[in-house]
Each structure stands twice: as structure tokens, then as C-alpha cells.
């Protein structure tokens, strides 16, 4: 199975592959249906082959909502309020390319 592309170099085929992988995780780990962070961790573990330490699910459940709030808040500050942009031009360019890729391809997934 193709590895999850954490670098943000998606194409239509990689979007479809990620969709299949997420469906597998959601199917085999029902807790991930309620917990985005847990879903992300399992995708990293099984498809990106990131060696993650064991974290009991009850601890993940305690902090995951907070982490999602932090993610969304950072995204809002940077994207909507245009404050604190990435300091690395390569990251900014990668985000712009990824946003365009998603806009162009996500409806086909």
C-alpha cells in the first residue's frame, strides 16, 4: 500500500489513496470516528510508518479536542486574519500549492 504523503505533494491519485486509508482506519477503529486526532495518529502509524510511542486512548481523548481547537485557531489567525504567516517561504509556497491541489481535485475523490 502506498505511504501517506505527509509532505503535502498530493495528486488526484494520492487523494484517492488517502481516502481509502482513512476509510480503513474508520472501519477498523471505531473510536476514530469521534476523534480526529486519534485518526491522524493511526494514519501516521500505519501508512506513514511513523514510530509512535504507545499512548492510552483515554489520554488521547482528553487532549484531542484541545489540539483540534489549537489547529483551527492557528489556521484562522494565519488564513483569515493574515497574522503570523509562516516564516519559511518554502512552507508558505507548499501550503499555497496544496490548497490549489485540493481545490482542483477534492471534488473528484
Protein backbone atom coordinates (compact mmCIF):
# COMPACT_ATOMS: atom_id res chain seq x y z
CA UNK A 1 0.00 0.00 0.00
CA UNK A 2 1.26 3.46 -0.89
CA UNK A 3 2.50 5.55 2.00
CA UNK A 4 0.65 8.61 3.22
CA UNK A 5 2.23 11.73 1.72
CA UNK A 6 2.92 13.94 4.72
CA UNK A 7 4.90 16.42 2.61
CA UNK A 8 1.75 17.81 1.02
CA UNK A 9 2.53 16.70 -2.55
CA UNK A 10 -0.95 15.42 -3.32
CA UNK A 11 -2.32 14.46 -6.67
CA UNK A 12 -5.75 13.09 -7.50
CA UNK A 13 -4.44 9.53 -7.13
CA UNK A 14 -2.90 10.30 -3.74
CA UNK A 15 -6.15 11.93 -2.56
CA UNK A 16 -7.97 8.74 -3.52
CA UNK A 17 -5.34 6.65 -1.74
CA UNK A 18 -5.62 8.72 1.44
CA UNK A 19 -9.41 8.39 1.28
CA UNK A 20 -9.06 4.58 1.14
CA UNK A 21 -6.63 4.65 4.05
CA UNK A 22 -8.89 6.84 6.19
CA UNK A 23 -11.85 4.57 5.42
CA UNK A 24 -9.80 1.57 6.57
CA UNK A 25 -8.90 3.32 9.82
CA UNK A 26 -12.51 4.42 10.43
CA UNK A 27 -13.73 0.92 9.70
CA UNK A 28 -11.26 -0.95 11.94
CA UNK A 29 -11.00 1.59 14.77
CA UNK A 30 -14.49 2.92 15.61
CA UNK A 31 -13.05 5.34 18.20
CA UNK A 32 -11.52 7.32 15.32
CA UNK A 33 -14.99 8.26 14.11
CA UNK A 34 -15.30 10.54 17.13
CA UNK A 35 -11.71 11.65 17.38
CA UNK A 36 -9.80 13.33 14.53
CA UNK A 37 -6.52 13.34 16.43
CA UNK A 38 -6.69 9.57 17.01
CA UNK A 39 -7.48 9.06 13.33
CA UNK A 40 -4.48 11.19 12.36
CA UNK A 41 -2.19 9.28 14.74
CA UNK A 42 -3.25 5.92 13.34
CA UNK A 43 -2.80 7.13 9.77
CA UNK A 44 0.72 8.26 10.64
CA UNK A 45 1.46 4.96 12.35
CA UNK A 46 0.10 2.58 9.73
CA UNK A 47 0.55 4.43 6.45
CA UNK A 48 3.40 6.88 7.01
CA UNK A 49 5.22 4.35 9.20
CA UNK A 50 5.95 6.88 11.94
CA UNK A 51 7.22 5.09 15.03
CA UNK A 52 4.82 6.43 17.64
CA UNK A 53 5.01 5.59 21.31
CA UNK A 54 2.02 3.92 22.91
CA UNK A 55 -0.44 6.46 24.28
CA UNK A 56 -3.52 5.13 26.07
CA UNK A 57 -6.70 6.08 24.24
CA UNK A 58 -8.22 7.78 27.31
CA UNK A 59 -5.28 10.23 27.32
CA UNK A 60 -5.68 10.87 23.60
CA UNK A 61 -9.39 11.50 24.11
CA UNK A 62 -8.68 14.02 26.88
CA UNK A 63 -6.43 16.26 24.78
CA UNK A 64 -7.58 15.73 21.22
CA UNK A 65 -10.37 18.30 21.29
CA UNK A 66 -7.95 20.86 22.66
CA UNK A 67 -5.43 20.07 19.94
CA UNK A 68 -8.07 20.41 17.24
CA UNK A 69 -9.10 23.77 18.72
CA UNK A 70 -5.48 24.90 18.63
CA UNK A 71 -5.15 23.75 14.99
CA UNK A 72 -8.30 25.53 13.87
CA UNK A 73 -7.42 28.68 15.82
CA UNK A 74 -3.93 28.83 14.29
CA UNK A 75 -5.43 28.27 10.86
CA UNK A 76 -7.97 31.07 11.36
CA UNK A 77 -5.32 33.50 12.64
CA UNK A 78 -2.98 32.79 9.73
CA UNK A 79 -5.52 32.42 6.90
CA UNK A 80 -8.37 34.76 7.74
CA UNK A 81 -6.69 37.38 9.89
CA UNK A 82 -3.43 37.23 7.87
CA UNK A 83 -1.33 37.40 11.05
CA UNK A 84 1.83 35.45 11.84
CA UNK A 85 2.44 33.89 8.42
CA UNK A 86 4.94 31.05 8.13
CA UNK A 87 8.49 32.33 8.38
CA UNK A 88 9.80 29.76 5.91
CA UNK A 89 8.95 30.74 2.31
CA UNK A 90 9.08 27.08 1.25
CA UNK A 91 6.32 26.22 3.74
CA UNK A 92 4.18 29.10 2.52
CA UNK A 93 4.62 28.01 -1.09
CA UNK A 94 3.85 24.36 -0.21
CA UNK A 95 0.64 25.44 1.54
CA UNK A 96 -0.41 27.51 -1.47
CA UNK A 97 0.27 24.61 -3.86
CA UNK A 98 -1.53 22.16 -1.59
CA UNK A 99 -4.55 24.46 -1.28
CA UNK A 100 -4.71 24.72 -5.08
CA UNK A 101 -4.33 20.95 -5.48
CA UNK A 102 -7.16 20.36 -3.03
CA UNK A 103 -9.41 22.91 -4.72
CA UNK A 104 -8.72 21.36 -8.13
CA UNK A 105 -9.06 17.70 -7.14
CA UNK A 106 -11.09 17.17 -3.98
CA UNK A 107 -14.43 17.04 -5.79
CA UNK A 108 -13.18 14.01 -7.75
CA UNK A 109 -12.26 11.97 -4.66
